[in-house]
Amino acid sequence: MSELAKNFETNATTQLSAVMKDGEAHIMTTITGIVAGESIVYGGPPGGSKTNLMRAVPKLIGDITPEMVAELSPLADTTPKENVGSVVEVEGKKTYIPGAIRRETRFLLDDDGSRKNPYTQDSLLGVREGGYVLIAGDKFYVDLLADIQTLNASKPGQPIFKLSEAGASRSGAGTIFGKTSEDTMKDLFGRKFIPSEVTAITSIEELEQLIKEAKDYRGTSDSLDTAAAKMTARIREAHEEILGYSEAGGRMARQLGNLVAARLVLSNEKDGSSVGEMNALHLAAGMIIDARVSGLSPKPEEHAEAIRQRAGVEQVL
């Protein structure tokens, strides 16, 4: 475990804990997703601090400016042009007119992503996975550090409250915010917990170094590769059985590998031990399940638990 990884996880956890009470699992997923380079999803009912946590993340990076953060409108009638921009041709020359997402965007924040119409959701697929905006056949690259979206549970018969299956498959690190406990509500009412501002704990350069460290660690264990492939197959089968949702599995396997590598780099178990690898694998598998379920299920907590049991994914935390 490098000093950079240790400091990032410790300090980021401390800072983000000031934003929400009882959010350890959500914060761990956020940190892992960023280092893994995977899109992050916060699912669950309104009022659970999903948006507060999402907006706090860019503040961890000291040299992130407001121009580098794109927060998309949650309105259902938002157009692709408003988010990713458009291309106009003047005197035979094509010119890119940016929307909310610009070339300098490093953080993409998408509040209530499932409310958007299908065309607008689809316009974000390229930037979520490939780091580019595709307009009229032309690619405009965006060097994202993190992509975070919040989702409310899908509602039967209301398509705008459901993420497309293509969109759901692009998100690797998911976490489901459940109903607030009575003890937490009592502390919030009595002002025993008052959310505070986040202080920067790292820089763009340091975060990029940490992301590279996780990427370089990928694929160093044959036994882990085998176990991850089997886990991917079980999750895929459980999704199809319980949600009626099917995907080929290649993207999921890549996401799982990235999340496992990030978790091992961030933990003190980056030593090749089977215990450390298996813990990281089950944590990452849980994130994959929560990411898909958050956008596709009207009962995310219930369905996530059923898929975990069907796929043999253990609750490590």
Protein backbone atom coordinates (compact mmCIF):
# COMPACT_ATOMS: atom_id res chain seq x y z
CA MET A 1 0.00 0.00 0.00
CA SER A 2 1.60 3.25 -1.11
CA GLU A 3 1.68 6.31 1.12
CA LEU A 4 -0.37 8.13 -1.53
CA ALA A 5 -3.12 5.49 -1.44
CA LYS A 6 -3.14 5.38 2.35
CA ASN A 7 -3.44 9.15 2.67
CA PHE A 8 -6.14 9.38 0.01
CA GLU A 9 -8.40 6.75 1.56
CA THR A 10 -7.92 7.98 5.13
CA ASN A 11 -8.33 11.67 4.39
CA ALA A 12 -11.14 11.28 1.86
CA THR A 13 -13.08 9.10 4.30
CA THR A 14 -12.67 11.68 7.05
CA GLN A 15 -13.77 14.58 4.85
CA LEU A 16 -16.75 12.85 3.24
CA SER A 17 -17.93 11.59 6.64
CA ALA A 18 -18.56 15.24 7.50
CA VAL A 19 -21.20 15.39 4.75
CA MET A 20 -23.43 12.50 5.82
CA LYS A 21 -24.04 10.39 8.91
CA ASP A 22 -23.64 6.59 8.80
CA GLY A 23 -22.28 6.65 5.26
CA GLU A 24 -19.21 4.42 5.55
CA ALA A 25 -20.23 1.96 2.83
CA HIS A 26 -21.24 4.75 0.41
CA ILE A 27 -17.97 6.58 0.98
CA MET A 28 -15.90 3.42 0.49
CA THR A 29 -17.69 2.74 -2.80
CA THR A 30 -17.11 6.34 -3.92
CA ILE A 31 -13.38 6.22 -3.19
CA THR A 32 -12.99 2.81 -4.86
CA GLY A 33 -14.93 3.88 -7.94
CA ILE A 34 -12.82 7.00 -8.44
CA VAL A 35 -9.52 5.12 -8.19
CA ALA A 36 -10.88 2.36 -10.45
CA GLY A 37 -11.92 4.89 -13.09
CA GLU A 38 -15.48 3.55 -13.05
CA SER A 39 -18.76 5.50 -13.14
CA ILE A 40 -20.37 5.72 -9.70
CA VAL A 41 -24.08 5.37 -8.94
CA TYR A 42 -25.94 6.39 -5.78
CA GLY A 43 -29.34 4.68 -5.73
CA GLY A 44 -32.25 4.81 -3.31
CA PRO A 45 -35.18 6.95 -2.18
CA PRO A 46 -35.05 10.77 -2.06
CA GLY A 47 -33.73 12.49 1.05
CA GLY A 48 -30.79 10.21 1.84
CA SER A 49 -27.96 12.72 1.16
CA LYS A 50 -27.09 11.24 -2.25
CA THR A 51 -26.82 14.67 -3.89
CA ASN A 52 -24.92 16.18 -0.95
CA LEU A 53 -22.30 13.44 -1.13
CA MET A 54 -22.04 13.69 -4.93
CA ARG A 55 -21.41 17.45 -4.80
CA ALA A 56 -18.82 17.07 -2.04
CA VAL A 57 -16.52 14.74 -4.00
CA PRO A 58 -14.92 17.32 -6.37
CA LYS A 59 -14.08 19.49 -3.36
CA LEU A 60 -11.56 16.85 -2.27
CA ILE A 61 -9.28 17.95 -5.12
CA GLY A 62 -7.58 21.26 -4.36
CA ASP A 63 -6.95 22.41 -7.93
CA ILE A 64 -10.41 21.59 -9.30
CA THR A 65 -12.09 24.81 -10.45
CA PRO A 66 -15.85 25.35 -10.94
CA GLU A 67 -15.29 25.23 -14.72
CA MET A 68 -14.03 21.64 -14.35
CA VAL A 69 -17.27 20.42 -12.73
CA ALA A 70 -20.31 19.77 -14.95
CA GLU A 71 -23.57 19.22 -13.07
CA LEU A 72 -26.32 18.13 -15.43
CA SER A 73 -29.90 19.30 -15.11
CA PRO A 74 -32.27 16.74 -13.53
CA LEU A 75 -35.21 17.90 -15.69
CA ALA A 76 -36.91 15.18 -17.73
CA ASP A 77 -37.05 17.29 -20.88
CA THR A 78 -33.32 18.06 -20.94
CA THR A 79 -32.01 17.64 -24.49
CA PRO A 80 -28.77 15.96 -25.60
CA LYS A 81 -27.59 19.34 -26.91
CA GLU A 82 -27.84 20.88 -23.42
CA ASN A 83 -25.61 18.16 -21.97
CA VAL A 84 -23.06 17.27 -24.63
CA GLY A 85 -23.31 20.24 -26.99
CA SER A 86 -23.68 20.33 -30.76
CA VAL A 87 -21.73 20.79 -33.98
CA VAL A 88 -22.53 23.59 -36.41
CA GLU A 89 -21.05 24.10 -39.85
CA VAL A 90 -20.16 27.63 -40.92
CA GLU A 91 -18.61 28.24 -44.35
CA GLY A 92 -17.69 24.58 -44.66
CA LYS A 93 -15.99 24.43 -41.26
CA LYS A 94 -17.40 22.37 -38.37
CA THR A 95 -17.43 24.05 -34.98
CA TYR A 96 -18.15 22.35 -31.66
CA ILE A 97 -20.58 24.28 -29.43
CA PRO A 98 -20.26 22.79 -25.92
CA GLY A 99 -23.11 22.03 -23.58
CA ALA A 100 -22.75 21.44 -19.83
CA ILE A 101 -19.93 18.95 -20.55
CA ARG A 102 -16.84 20.71 -21.91
CA ARG A 103 -13.35 19.66 -22.90
CA GLU A 104 -12.04 20.82 -19.51
CA THR A 105 -14.65 18.84 -17.53
CA ARG A 106 -12.98 16.59 -14.94
CA PHE A 107 -16.03 15.77 -12.78
CA LEU A 108 -19.43 14.86 -14.23
CA LEU A 109 -22.29 15.08 -11.72
CA ASP A 110 -25.66 13.78 -12.92
CA ASP A 111 -28.48 14.31 -10.41
CA ASP A 112 -31.59 12.17 -10.95
CA GLY A 113 -30.05 10.62 -14.06
CA SER A 114 -32.97 8.24 -14.62
CA ARG A 115 -35.43 11.12 -15.01
CA LYS A 116 -33.91 12.09 -18.34
CA ASN A 117 -35.54 10.97 -21.56
CA PRO A 118 -33.96 8.02 -23.40
CA TYR A 119 -32.29 10.19 -26.07
CA THR A 120 -30.53 12.30 -23.46
CA GLN A 121 -29.49 9.22 -21.48
CA ASP A 122 -28.01 7.68 -24.63
CA SER A 123 -26.03 10.85 -25.41
CA LEU A 124 -24.03 10.27 -22.22
CA LEU A 125 -22.96 6.67 -22.95
CA GLY A 126 -19.74 7.64 -24.73
CA VAL A 127 -18.49 10.01 -22.06
CA ARG A 128 -19.37 7.52 -19.30
CA GLU A 129 -17.31 4.71 -20.76
CA GLY A 130 -14.93 6.08 -23.36
CA GLY A 131 -14.37 9.63 -22.15
CA TYR A 132 -15.72 11.24 -25.29
CA VAL A 133 -18.75 13.13 -26.55
CA LEU A 134 -20.05 11.89 -29.90
CA ILE A 135 -21.82 14.55 -31.96
CA ALA A 136 -22.79 14.15 -35.60
CA GLY A 137 -20.19 11.42 -36.03
CA ASP A 138 -17.35 13.48 -34.50
CA LYS A 139 -15.67 12.60 -31.21
CA PHE A 140 -14.68 15.30 -28.71
CA TYR A 141 -12.65 13.88 -25.85
CA VAL A 142 -13.20 14.77 -22.20
CA ASP A 143 -10.57 13.80 -19.62
CA LEU A 144 -12.88 12.83 -16.75
CA LEU A 145 -11.54 12.06 -13.29
CA ALA A 146 -14.93 10.93 -11.98
CA ASP A 147 -18.52 10.46 -13.11
CA ILE A 148 -21.20 10.26 -10.41
CA GLN A 149 -24.96 10.03 -10.83
CA THR A 150 -27.87 9.73 -8.41
CA LEU A 151 -30.91 7.59 -9.18
CA ASN A 152 -34.26 7.15 -7.49
CA ALA A 153 -35.87 3.73 -7.64
CA SER A 154 -37.51 2.99 -11.00
CA LYS A 155 -41.30 3.23 -11.12
CA PRO A 156 -43.38 0.72 -13.11
CA GLY A 157 -45.18 2.39 -15.98
CA GLN A 158 -43.04 5.54 -15.77
CA PRO A 159 -40.18 5.12 -18.27
CA ILE A 160 -38.49 8.38 -17.30
CA PHE A 161 -37.80 6.91 -13.87
CA LYS A 162 -35.90 3.98 -15.30
CA LEU A 163 -32.33 3.94 -16.56
CA SER A 164 -31.78 2.29 -19.91
CA GLU A 165 -30.08 -1.11 -19.79
CA ALA A 166 -27.21 0.35 -21.82
CA GLY A 167 -26.85 3.12 -19.26
CA ALA A 168 -27.01 0.71 -16.33
CA SER A 169 -24.24 -1.45 -17.77
CA ARG A 170 -21.87 1.55 -18.01
CA SER A 171 -21.89 2.10 -14.24
CA GLY A 172 -19.54 -0.11 -12.26
CA ALA A 173 -19.48 1.19 -8.67
CA GLY A 174 -22.95 1.33 -7.14
CA THR A 175 -24.22 1.81 -3.61
CA ILE A 176 -27.83 1.83 -2.40
CA PHE A 177 -28.93 4.40 0.17
CA GLY A 178 -31.63 2.86 2.35
CA LYS A 179 -34.19 4.54 4.56
CA THR A 180 -32.70 6.77 7.27
CA SER A 181 -32.63 5.06 10.68
CA GLU A 182 -34.57 6.43 13.62
CA ASP A 183 -31.34 7.14 15.54
CA THR A 184 -29.92 9.12 12.64
CA MET A 185 -33.12 11.11 12.21
CA LYS A 186 -33.07 11.90 15.94
CA ASP A 187 -29.47 13.15 15.71
CA LEU A 188 -30.29 15.27 12.68
CA PHE A 189 -33.39 16.74 14.33
CA GLY A 190 -31.49 17.50 17.51
CA ARG A 191 -28.53 18.97 15.60
CA LYS A 192 -26.11 16.41 17.00
CA PHE A 193 -24.89 15.99 13.45
CA ILE A 194 -24.51 19.08 11.28
CA PRO A 195 -23.03 18.52 7.80
CA SER A 196 -19.91 20.60 7.26
CA GLU A 197 -17.83 21.69 4.29
CA VAL A 198 -15.23 19.40 2.74
CA THR A 199 -11.55 20.38 2.77
CA ALA A 200 -9.29 19.49 -0.16
CA ILE A 201 -6.95 16.56 0.55
CA THR A 202 -5.16 15.94 -2.76
CA SER A 203 -4.43 17.33 -6.23
CA ILE A 204 -5.33 16.32 -9.78
CA GLU A 205 -1.77 15.08 -10.35
CA GLU A 206 -1.76 12.91 -7.21
CA LEU A 207 -5.16 11.44 -8.01
CA GLU A 208 -4.02 10.61 -11.54
CA GLN A 209 -0.96 8.86 -10.08
CA LEU A 210 -3.21 6.80 -7.82
CA ILE A 211 -5.51 5.84 -10.69
CA LYS A 212 -2.45 4.76 -12.69
CA GLU A 213 -1.22 2.67 -9.75
CA ALA A 214 -4.50 0.76 -9.69
CA LYS A 215 -4.45 0.32 -13.47
CA ASP A 216 -0.89 -1.06 -13.35
CA TYR A 217 -1.90 -3.53 -10.64
CA ARG A 218 -4.62 -5.03 -12.86
CA GLY A 219 -4.10 -8.59 -13.97
CA THR A 220 -1.21 -9.50 -11.67
CA SER A 221 -2.94 -12.59 -10.26
CA ASP A 222 -4.05 -15.55 -12.40
CA SER A 223 -6.07 -17.03 -9.53
CA LEU A 224 -7.95 -13.76 -9.09
CA ASP A 225 -8.66 -13.55 -12.82
CA THR A 226 -10.22 -17.02 -12.71
CA ALA A 227 -12.31 -16.25 -9.63
CA ALA A 228 -13.48 -12.94 -11.12
CA ALA A 229 -14.58 -14.63 -14.36
CA LYS A 230 -16.67 -17.14 -12.40
CA MET A 231 -18.13 -14.37 -10.24
CA THR A 232 -19.09 -12.35 -13.33
CA ALA A 233 -20.92 -15.35 -14.80
CA ARG A 234 -22.88 -15.90 -11.58
CA ILE A 235 -23.87 -12.24 -11.27
CA ARG A 236 -24.95 -12.13 -14.90
CA GLU A 237 -27.14 -15.22 -14.44
CA ALA A 238 -28.68 -13.83 -11.23
CA HIS A 239 -29.48 -10.50 -12.89
CA GLU A 240 -31.26 -12.31 -15.70
CA GLU A 241 -33.19 -14.56 -13.35
CA ILE A 242 -34.31 -11.89 -10.87
CA LEU A 243 -34.46 -8.68 -12.92
CA GLY A 244 -34.95 -10.06 -16.42
CA TYR A 245 -31.88 -8.02 -17.38
CA SER A 246 -29.24 -9.57 -19.61
CA GLU A 247 -25.77 -8.47 -20.70
CA ALA A 248 -22.94 -10.33 -22.38
CA GLY A 249 -20.56 -10.02 -19.43
CA GLY A 250 -17.43 -8.56 -21.05
CA ARG A 251 -17.97 -5.04 -19.74
CA MET A 252 -18.91 -6.36 -16.30
CA ALA A 253 -15.73 -8.45 -16.12
CA ARG A 254 -13.60 -5.41 -16.97
CA GLN A 255 -15.39 -3.28 -14.37
CA LEU A 256 -15.00 -5.98 -11.74
CA GLY A 257 -11.26 -6.23 -12.45
CA ASN A 258 -10.82 -2.46 -12.19
CA LEU A 259 -12.73 -2.28 -8.89
CA VAL A 260 -10.82 -5.19 -7.35
CA ALA A 261 -7.48 -3.66 -8.33
CA ALA A 262 -8.49 -0.29 -6.86
CA ARG A 263 -9.71 -1.90 -3.64
CA LEU A 264 -6.45 -3.82 -3.20
CA VAL A 265 -4.34 -0.72 -3.89
CA LEU A 266 -6.36 1.27 -1.35
CA SER A 267 -6.28 -1.43 1.33
CA ASN A 268 -3.36 -2.83 3.26
CA GLU A 269 -4.01 -6.25 1.69
CA LYS A 270 -2.17 -5.62 -1.59
CA ASP A 271 0.12 -8.55 -0.90
CA GLY A 272 -1.32 -11.25 -3.13
CA SER A 273 -2.98 -13.04 -0.20
CA SER A 274 -6.08 -15.03 -1.07
CA VAL A 275 -7.98 -13.47 1.86
CA GLY A 276 -7.29 -9.95 0.65
CA GLU A 277 -8.15 -10.78 -2.95
CA MET A 278 -11.40 -12.54 -2.07
CA ASN A 279 -12.55 -9.71 0.20
CA ALA A 280 -11.85 -7.23 -2.60
CA LEU A 281 -13.65 -9.45 -5.12
CA HIS A 282 -16.82 -9.70 -3.02
CA LEU A 283 -16.81 -5.97 -2.26
CA ALA A 284 -16.43 -5.18 -5.97
CA ALA A 285 -19.15 -7.69 -6.91
CA GLY A 286 -21.53 -5.97 -4.49
CA MET A 287 -20.80 -2.62 -6.17
CA ILE A 288 -21.53 -4.11 -9.60
CA ILE A 289 -24.85 -5.50 -8.38
CA ASP A 290 -25.90 -2.25 -6.70
CA ALA A 291 -25.01 -0.25 -9.82
CA ARG A 292 -27.29 -2.31 -12.06
CA VAL A 293 -30.11 -2.68 -9.56
CA SER A 294 -30.18 1.04 -8.68
CA GLY A 295 -31.20 1.99 -12.19
CA LEU A 296 -33.39 -0.95 -13.15
CA SER A 297 -35.33 -2.10 -10.10
CA PRO A 298 -38.36 -0.60 -8.30
CA LYS A 299 -37.13 -2.39 -5.14
CA PRO A 300 -33.33 -1.96 -5.26
CA GLU A 301 -32.47 -3.14 -1.73
CA GLU A 302 -34.66 -6.24 -1.96
CA HIS A 303 -33.45 -7.21 -5.41
CA ALA A 304 -29.79 -6.50 -4.62
CA GLU A 305 -29.96 -8.87 -1.65
CA ALA A 306 -31.66 -11.56 -3.74
CA ILE A 307 -29.01 -11.28 -6.46
CA ARG A 308 -26.20 -11.43 -3.89
CA GLN A 309 -27.60 -14.63 -2.45
CA ARG A 310 -28.20 -16.18 -5.88
CA ALA A 311 -24.66 -15.29 -7.04
CA GLY A 312 -22.92 -16.23 -3.77
CA VAL A 313 -21.65 -12.71 -3.08
CA GLU A 314 -20.81 -12.19 0.58
CA GLN A 315 -21.49 -9.00 2.52
CA VAL A 316 -17.95 -8.07 3.55
CA LEU A 317 -18.88 -4.83 5.34
